[in-house]
């Protein structure tokens, strides 16, 4: 349950809130500033600062929280 919940949160946050940037030189969407080509990128969508590492951290915490909730909610599990 924790793994499934964490993966679901990861997908939802990544698709909706994760910061995406645009490289005008390569004409590609990316996650970094500057892009690996060295060009400064511009924000395109998402929350500033919510990069892939932050999304993974939030998903891991959510999955762990869900697993803990299941552990404490189901008396037969312990």
PDB file of N, CA and C in Angstrom:
ATOM      1  N   UNK A   1       0.828  -1.200   0.000  1.00  0.00           N
ATOM      2  CA  UNK A   1       0.000   0.000   0.000  1.00  0.00           C
ATOM      3  C   UNK A   1       0.867   1.256   0.000  1.00  0.00           C
ATOM      4  N   UNK A   2       1.948   1.213   0.813  1.00  0.00           N
ATOM      5  CA  UNK A   2       2.841   2.374   0.872  1.00  0.00           C
ATOM      6  C   UNK A   2       3.552   2.613  -0.446  1.00  0.00           C
ATOM      7  N   UNK A   3       4.006   1.545  -1.067  1.00  0.00           N
ATOM      8  CA  UNK A   3       4.693   1.670  -2.358  1.00  0.00           C
ATOM      9  C   UNK A   3       3.760   2.185  -3.442  1.00  0.00           C
ATOM     10  N   UNK A   4       2.547   1.650  -3.471  1.00  0.00           N
ATOM     11  CA  UNK A   4       1.575   2.095  -4.467  1.00  0.00           C
ATOM     12  C   UNK A   4       1.207   3.560  -4.243  1.00  0.00           C
ATOM     13  N   UNK A   5       0.959   3.929  -2.989  1.00  0.00           N
ATOM     14  CA  UNK A   5       0.608   5.317  -2.676  1.00  0.00           C
ATOM     15  C   UNK A   5       1.728   6.284  -3.009  1.00  0.00           C
ATOM     16  N   UNK A   6       2.963   5.896  -2.679  1.00  0.00           N
ATOM     17  CA  UNK A   6       4.111   6.741  -2.990  1.00  0.00           C
ATOM     18  C   UNK A   6       4.291   6.929  -4.487  1.00  0.00           C
ATOM     19  N   UNK A   7       4.123   5.851  -5.252  1.00  0.00           N
ATOM     20  CA  UNK A   7       4.246   5.936  -6.706  1.00  0.00           C
ATOM     21  C   UNK A   7       3.147   6.813  -7.295  1.00  0.00           C
ATOM     22  N   UNK A   8       1.949   6.708  -6.751  1.00  0.00           N
ATOM     23  CA  UNK A   8       0.842   7.527  -7.225  1.00  0.00           C
ATOM     24  C   UNK A   8       1.096   9.013  -6.952  1.00  0.00           C
ATOM     25  N   UNK A   9       1.558   9.339  -5.758  1.00  0.00           N
ATOM     26  CA  UNK A   9       1.875  10.722  -5.406  1.00  0.00           C
ATOM     27  C   UNK A   9       2.995  11.244  -6.304  1.00  0.00           C
ATOM     28  N   UNK A  10       4.009  10.412  -6.548  1.00  0.00           N
ATOM     29  CA  UNK A  10       5.112  10.808  -7.427  1.00  0.00           C
ATOM     30  C   UNK A  10       4.598  11.178  -8.817  1.00  0.00           C
ATOM     31  N   UNK A  11       3.734  10.361  -9.349  1.00  0.00           N
ATOM     32  CA  UNK A  11       3.179  10.623 -10.684  1.00  0.00           C
ATOM     33  C   UNK A  11       2.326  11.890 -10.702  1.00  0.00           C
ATOM     34  N   UNK A  12       1.483  12.042  -9.690  1.00  0.00           N
ATOM     35  CA  UNK A  12       0.601  13.210  -9.641  1.00  0.00           C
ATOM     36  C   UNK A  12       1.388  14.519  -9.490  1.00  0.00           C
ATOM     37  N   UNK A  13       2.344  14.533  -8.565  1.00  0.00           N
ATOM     38  CA  UNK A  13       3.143  15.747  -8.373  1.00  0.00           C
ATOM     39  C   UNK A  13       4.007  16.043  -9.595  1.00  0.00           C
ATOM     40  N   UNK A  14       4.602  15.008 -10.160  1.00  0.00           N
ATOM     41  CA  UNK A  14       5.445  15.194 -11.336  1.00  0.00           C
ATOM     42  C   UNK A  14       4.679  15.739 -12.533  1.00  0.00           C
ATOM     43  N   UNK A  15       3.443  15.303 -12.676  1.00  0.00           N
ATOM     44  CA  UNK A  15       2.646  15.737 -13.826  1.00  0.00           C
ATOM     45  C   UNK A  15       1.998  17.099 -13.629  1.00  0.00           C
ATOM     46  N   UNK A  16       1.790  17.504 -12.380  1.00  0.00           N
ATOM     47  CA  UNK A  16       1.033  18.738 -12.158  1.00  0.00           C
ATOM     48  C   UNK A  16       1.836  19.883 -11.562  1.00  0.00           C
ATOM     49  N   UNK A  17       2.671  19.608 -10.565  1.00  0.00           N
ATOM     50  CA  UNK A  17       3.313  20.692  -9.824  1.00  0.00           C
ATOM     51  C   UNK A  17       4.823  20.826 -10.044  1.00  0.00           C
ATOM     52  N   UNK A  18       5.461  19.790 -10.579  1.00  0.00           N
ATOM     53  CA  UNK A  18       6.916  19.848 -10.759  1.00  0.00           C
ATOM     54  C   UNK A  18       7.296  20.944 -11.750  1.00  0.00           C
ATOM     55  N   UNK A  19       8.334  21.705 -11.390  1.00  0.00           N
ATOM     56  CA  UNK A  19       8.779  22.804 -12.249  1.00  0.00           C
ATOM     57  C   UNK A  19       9.338  22.264 -13.563  1.00  0.00           C
ATOM     58  N   UNK A  20       8.896  22.870 -14.644  1.00  0.00           N
ATOM     59  CA  UNK A  20       9.416  22.566 -15.982  1.00  0.00           C
ATOM     60  C   UNK A  20       9.921  23.863 -16.574  1.00  0.00           C
ATOM     61  N   UNK A  21      11.014  23.765 -17.298  1.00  0.00           N
ATOM     62  CA  UNK A  21      11.649  24.941 -17.883  1.00  0.00           C
ATOM     63  C   UNK A  21      11.784  24.741 -19.385  1.00  0.00           C
ATOM     64  N   UNK A  22      12.078  25.821 -20.095  1.00  0.00           N
ATOM     65  CA  UNK A  22      12.199  25.796 -21.554  1.00  0.00           C
ATOM     66  C   UNK A  22      13.573  26.324 -21.956  1.00  0.00           C
ATOM     67  N   UNK A  23      14.240  25.566 -22.809  1.00  0.00           N
ATOM     68  CA  UNK A  23      15.525  25.996 -23.352  1.00  0.00           C
ATOM     69  C   UNK A  23      15.276  26.598 -24.732  1.00  0.00           C
ATOM     70  N   UNK A  24      15.460  27.910 -24.882  1.00  0.00           N
ATOM     71  CA  UNK A  24      15.191  28.530 -26.175  1.00  0.00           C
ATOM     72  C   UNK A  24      16.188  28.113 -27.264  1.00  0.00           C
ATOM     73  N   UNK A  25      17.398  27.747 -26.885  1.00  0.00           N
ATOM     74  CA  UNK A  25      18.391  27.348 -27.887  1.00  0.00           C
ATOM     75  C   UNK A  25      18.060  25.979 -28.483  1.00  0.00           C
ATOM     76  N   UNK A  26      17.716  25.032 -27.630  1.00  0.00           N
ATOM     77  CA  UNK A  26      17.416  23.672 -28.087  1.00  0.00           C
ATOM     78  C   UNK A  26      15.942  23.490 -28.436  1.00  0.00           C
ATOM     79  N   UNK A  27      15.121  24.455 -28.012  1.00  0.00           N
ATOM     80  CA  UNK A  27      13.668  24.367 -28.170  1.00  0.00           C
ATOM     81  C   UNK A  27      13.141  23.068 -27.570  1.00  0.00           C
ATOM     82  N   UNK A  28      13.541  22.836 -26.296  1.00  0.00           N
ATOM     83  CA  UNK A  28      13.132  21.633 -25.579  1.00  0.00           C
ATOM     84  C   UNK A  28      12.756  21.978 -24.155  1.00  0.00           C
ATOM     85  N   UNK A  29      11.834  21.203 -23.618  1.00  0.00           N
ATOM     86  CA  UNK A  29      11.480  21.328 -22.213  1.00  0.00           C
ATOM     87  C   UNK A  29      12.538  20.587 -21.394  1.00  0.00           C
ATOM     88  N   UNK A  30      12.863  21.136 -20.234  1.00  0.00           N
ATOM     89  CA  UNK A  30      13.874  20.508 -19.387  1.00  0.00           C
ATOM     90  C   UNK A  30      13.569  20.815 -17.930  1.00  0.00           C
ATOM     91  N   UNK A  31      14.446  20.347 -17.036  1.00  0.00           N
ATOM     92  CA  UNK A  31      14.242  20.551 -15.599  1.00  0.00           C
ATOM     93  C   UNK A  31      15.318  21.404 -14.963  1.00  0.00           C
ATOM     94  N   UNK A  32      16.343  21.779 -15.696  1.00  0.00           N
ATOM     95  CA  UNK A  32      17.488  22.460 -15.091  1.00  0.00           C
ATOM     96  C   UNK A  32      17.686  23.867 -15.640  1.00  0.00           C
ATOM     97  N   UNK A  33      18.391  24.669 -14.851  1.00  0.00           N
ATOM     98  CA  UNK A  33      18.805  26.002 -15.293  1.00  0.00           C
ATOM     99  C   UNK A  33      20.249  26.204 -14.851  1.00  0.00           C
ATOM    100  N   UNK A  34      21.167  26.318 -15.763  1.00  0.00           N
ATOM    101  CA  UNK A  34      21.014  26.296 -17.212  1.00  0.00           C
ATOM    102  C   UNK A  34      20.819  24.875 -17.744  1.00  0.00           C
ATOM    103  N   UNK A  35      20.396  24.801 -19.006  1.00  0.00           N
ATOM    104  CA  UNK A  35      20.238  23.523 -19.682  1.00  0.00           C
ATOM    105  C   UNK A  35      21.616  22.923 -19.909  1.00  0.00           C
ATOM    106  N   UNK A  36      21.694  21.637 -20.199  1.00  0.00           N
ATOM    107  CA  UNK A  36      23.014  21.018 -20.380  1.00  0.00           C
ATOM    108  C   UNK A  36      23.783  21.581 -21.565  1.00  0.00           C
ATOM    109  N   UNK A  37      23.099  22.301 -22.464  1.00  0.00           N
ATOM    110  CA  UNK A  37      23.793  22.951 -23.575  1.00  0.00           C
ATOM    111  C   UNK A  37      24.459  24.252 -23.122  1.00  0.00           C
ATOM    112  N   UNK A  38      24.153  24.700 -21.884  1.00  0.00           N
ATOM    113  CA  UNK A  38      24.738  25.913 -21.344  1.00  0.00           C
ATOM    114  C   UNK A  38      23.852  27.141 -21.442  1.00  0.00           C
ATOM    115  N   UNK A  39      22.720  27.027 -22.099  1.00  0.00           N
ATOM    116  CA  UNK A  39      21.799  28.148 -22.274  1.00  0.00           C
ATOM    117  C   UNK A  39      20.904  28.308 -21.047  1.00  0.00           C
ATOM    118  N   UNK A  40      20.684  29.551 -20.640  1.00  0.00           N
ATOM    119  CA  UNK A  40      19.754  29.825 -19.545  1.00  0.00           C
ATOM    120  C   UNK A  40      18.344  29.431 -19.980  1.00  0.00           C
ATOM    121  N   UNK A  41      17.605  28.830 -19.058  1.00  0.00           N
ATOM    122  CA  UNK A  41      16.245  28.400 -19.374  1.00  0.00           C
ATOM    123  C   UNK A  41      15.237  29.327 -18.708  1.00  0.00           C
ATOM    124  N   UNK A  42      14.010  29.273 -19.178  1.00  0.00           N
ATOM    125  CA  UNK A  42      12.941  30.106 -18.628  1.00  0.00           C
ATOM    126  C   UNK A  42      11.851  29.203 -18.045  1.00  0.00           C
ATOM    127  N   UNK A  43      11.233  29.629 -16.934  1.00  0.00           N
ATOM    128  CA  UNK A  43      10.153  28.818 -16.348  1.00  0.00           C
ATOM    129  C   UNK A  43       9.000  28.659 -17.318  1.00  0.00           C
ATOM    130  N   UNK A  44       8.435  27.472 -17.346  1.00  0.00           N
ATOM    131  CA  UNK A  44       7.320  27.204 -18.248  1.00  0.00           C
ATOM    132  C   UNK A  44       6.043  26.875 -17.480  1.00  0.00           C
ATOM    133  N   UNK A  45       6.149  26.004 -16.487  1.00  0.00           N
ATOM    134  CA  UNK A  45       4.992  25.630 -15.672  1.00  0.00           C
ATOM    135  C   UNK A  45       5.479  25.002 -14.374  1.00  0.00           C
ATOM    136  N   UNK A  46       4.565  24.800 -13.453  1.00  0.00           N
ATOM    137  CA  UNK A  46       4.891  24.169 -12.182  1.00  0.00           C
ATOM    138  C   UNK A  46       5.320  25.183 -11.135  1.00  0.00           C
ATOM    139  N   UNK A  47       5.636  24.665  -9.963  1.00  0.00           N
ATOM    140  CA  UNK A  47       6.041  25.502  -8.837  1.00  0.00           C
ATOM    141  C   UNK A  47       7.556  25.687  -8.845  1.00  0.00           C
ATOM    142  N   UNK A  48       7.974  26.924  -8.743  1.00  0.00           N
ATOM    143  CA  UNK A  48       9.408  27.232  -8.758  1.00  0.00           C
ATOM    144  C   UNK A  48      10.101  26.513  -7.597  1.00  0.00           C
ATOM    145  N   UNK A  49      11.171  25.830  -7.895  1.00  0.00           N
ATOM    146  CA  UNK A  49      11.936  25.119  -6.878  1.00  0.00           C
ATOM    147  C   UNK A  49      11.485  23.697  -6.621  1.00  0.00           C
ATOM    148  N   UNK A  50      10.332  23.307  -7.130  1.00  0.00           N
ATOM    149  CA  UNK A  50       9.852  21.938  -6.929  1.00  0.00           C
ATOM    150  C   UNK A  50      10.441  21.066  -8.043  1.00  0.00           C
ATOM    151  N   UNK A  51      11.688  20.664  -7.835  1.00  0.00           N
ATOM    152  CA  UNK A  51      12.374  19.865  -8.850  1.00  0.00           C
ATOM    153  C   UNK A  51      12.107  18.380  -8.617  1.00  0.00           C
ATOM    154  N   UNK A  52      12.739  17.544  -9.415  1.00  0.00           N
ATOM    155  CA  UNK A  52      12.514  16.101  -9.339  1.00  0.00           C
ATOM    156  C   UNK A  52      12.919  15.536  -7.985  1.00  0.00           C
ATOM    157  N   UNK A  53      13.995  16.057  -7.403  1.00  0.00           N
ATOM    158  CA  UNK A  53      14.420  15.567  -6.091  1.00  0.00           C
ATOM    159  C   UNK A  53      13.371  15.866  -5.025  1.00  0.00           C
ATOM    160  N   UNK A  54      12.778  17.042  -5.074  1.00  0.00           N
ATOM    161  CA  UNK A  54      11.739  17.407  -4.105  1.00  0.00           C
ATOM    162  C   UNK A  54      10.492  16.551  -4.290  1.00  0.00           C
ATOM    163  N   UNK A  55      10.134  16.268  -5.528  1.00  0.00           N
ATOM    164  CA  UNK A  55       8.979  15.408  -5.803  1.00  0.00           C
ATOM    165  C   UNK A  55       9.239  14.001  -5.266  1.00  0.00           C
ATOM    166  N   UNK A  56      10.434  13.469  -5.502  1.00  0.00           N
ATOM    167  CA  UNK A  56      10.774  12.138  -4.995  1.00  0.00           C
ATOM    168  C   UNK A  56      10.741  12.098  -3.469  1.00  0.00           C
ATOM    169  N   UNK A  57      11.230  13.144  -2.824  1.00  0.00           N
ATOM    170  CA  UNK A  57      11.217  13.217  -1.363  1.00  0.00           C
ATOM    171  C   UNK A  57       9.782  13.212  -0.832  1.00  0.00           C
ATOM    172  N   UNK A  58       8.934  14.034  -1.432  1.00  0.00           N
ATOM    173  CA  UNK A  58       7.530  14.106  -1.011  1.00  0.00           C
ATOM    174  C   UNK A  58       6.829  12.763  -1.231  1.00  0.00           C
ATOM    175  N   UNK A  59       7.110  12.100  -2.334  1.00  0.00           N
ATOM    176  CA  UNK A  59       6.484  10.816  -2.616  1.00  0.00           C
ATOM    177  C   UNK A  59       6.950   9.750  -1.627  1.00  0.00           C
ATOM    178  N   UNK A  60       8.229   9.771  -1.275  1.00  0.00           N
ATOM    179  CA  UNK A  60       8.752   8.807  -0.305  1.00  0.00           C
ATOM    180  C   UNK A  60       8.115   9.014   1.063  1.00  0.00           C
ATOM    181  N   UNK A  61       8.019  10.278   1.492  1.00  0.00           N
ATOM    182  CA  UNK A  61       7.370  10.561   2.778  1.00  0.00           C
ATOM    183  C   UNK A  61       5.903  10.141   2.767  1.00  0.00           C
ATOM    184  N   UNK A  62       5.220  10.402   1.673  1.00  0.00           N
ATOM    185  CA  UNK A  62       3.805  10.030   1.572  1.00  0.00           C
ATOM    186  C   UNK A  62       3.628   8.521   1.631  1.00  0.00           C
ATOM    187  N   UNK A  63       4.474   7.799   0.903  1.00  0.00           N
ATOM    188  CA  UNK A  63       4.394   6.337   0.921  1.00  0.00           C
ATOM    189  C   UNK A  63       4.676   5.775   2.302  1.00  0.00           C
ATOM    190  N   UNK A  64       5.681   6.340   2.980  1.00  0.00           N
ATOM    191  CA  UNK A  64       6.005   5.890   4.336  1.00  0.00           C
ATOM    192  C   UNK A  64       4.858   6.201   5.300  1.00  0.00           C
ATOM    193  N   UNK A  65       4.262   7.366   5.147  1.00  0.00           N
ATOM    194  CA  UNK A  65       3.126   7.739   5.998  1.00  0.00           C
ATOM    195  C   UNK A  65       1.940   6.825   5.777  1.00  0.00           C
ATOM    196  N   UNK A  66       1.682   6.480   4.534  1.00  0.00           N
ATOM    197  CA  UNK A  66       0.576   5.574   4.236  1.00  0.00           C
ATOM    198  C   UNK A  66       0.850   4.185   4.814  1.00  0.00           C
ATOM    199  N   UNK A  67       2.076   3.714   4.665  1.00  0.00           N
ATOM    200  CA  UNK A  67       2.428   2.403   5.223  1.00  0.00           C
ATOM    201  C   UNK A  67       2.273   2.402   6.744  1.00  0.00           C
ATOM    202  N   UNK A  68       2.690   3.476   7.403  1.00  0.00           N
ATOM    203  CA  UNK A  68       2.544   3.579   8.855  1.00  0.00           C
ATOM    204  C   UNK A  68       1.069   3.613   9.248  1.00  0.00           C
ATOM    205  N   UNK A  69       0.265   4.334   8.486  1.00  0.00           N
ATOM    206  CA  UNK A  69      -1.168   4.419   8.780  1.00  0.00           C
ATOM    207  C   UNK A  69      -1.824   3.038   8.663  1.00  0.00           C
ATOM    208  N   UNK A  70      -1.451   2.294   7.631  1.00  0.00           N
ATOM    209  CA  UNK A  70      -1.998   0.939   7.463  1.00  0.00           C
ATOM    210  C   UNK A  70      -1.543   0.055   8.616  1.00  0.00           C
ATOM    211  N   UNK A  71      -0.289   0.175   8.996  1.00  0.00           N
ATOM    212  CA  UNK A  71       0.265  -0.631  10.096  1.00  0.00           C
ATOM    213  C   UNK A  71      -0.509  -0.415  11.398  1.00  0.00           C
ATOM    214  N   UNK A  72      -0.791   0.842  11.709  1.00  0.00           N
ATOM    215  CA  UNK A  72      -1.481   1.149  12.954  1.00  0.00           C
ATOM    216  C   UNK A  72      -2.999   0.961  12.864  1.00  0.00           C
ATOM    217  N   UNK A  73      -3.562   1.020  11.687  1.00  0.00           N
ATOM    218  CA  UNK A  73      -5.015   0.915  11.532  1.00  0.00           C
ATOM    219  C   UNK A  73      -5.506  -0.531  11.527  1.00  0.00           C
ATOM    220  N   UNK A  74      -4.669  -1.429  11.066  1.00  0.00           N
ATOM    221  CA  UNK A  74      -5.092  -2.820  10.970  1.00  0.00           C
ATOM    222  C   UNK A  74      -4.512  -3.639  12.132  1.00  0.00           C
ATOM    223  N   UNK A  75      -5.348  -4.036  13.085  1.00  0.00           N
ATOM    224  CA  UNK A  75      -4.840  -4.726  14.274  1.00  0.00           C
ATOM    225  C   UNK A  75      -4.235  -6.095  13.948  1.00  0.00           C
ATOM    226  N   UNK A  76      -4.648  -6.740  12.919  1.00  0.00           N
ATOM    227  CA  UNK A  76      -4.129  -8.059  12.587  1.00  0.00           C
ATOM    228  C   UNK A  76      -2.776  -8.038  11.895  1.00  0.00           C
ATOM    229  N   UNK A  77      -2.303  -6.874  11.503  1.00  0.00           N
ATOM    230  CA  UNK A  77      -1.034  -6.759  10.781  1.00  0.00           C
ATOM    231  C   UNK A  77       0.142  -6.916  11.736  1.00  0.00           C
ATOM    232  N   UNK A  78       0.006  -6.387  12.954  1.00  0.00           N
ATOM    233  CA  UNK A  78       1.120  -6.408  13.921  1.00  0.00           C
ATOM    234  C   UNK A  78       1.268  -7.730  14.529  1.00  0.00           C
TER     235      UNK A  78
END
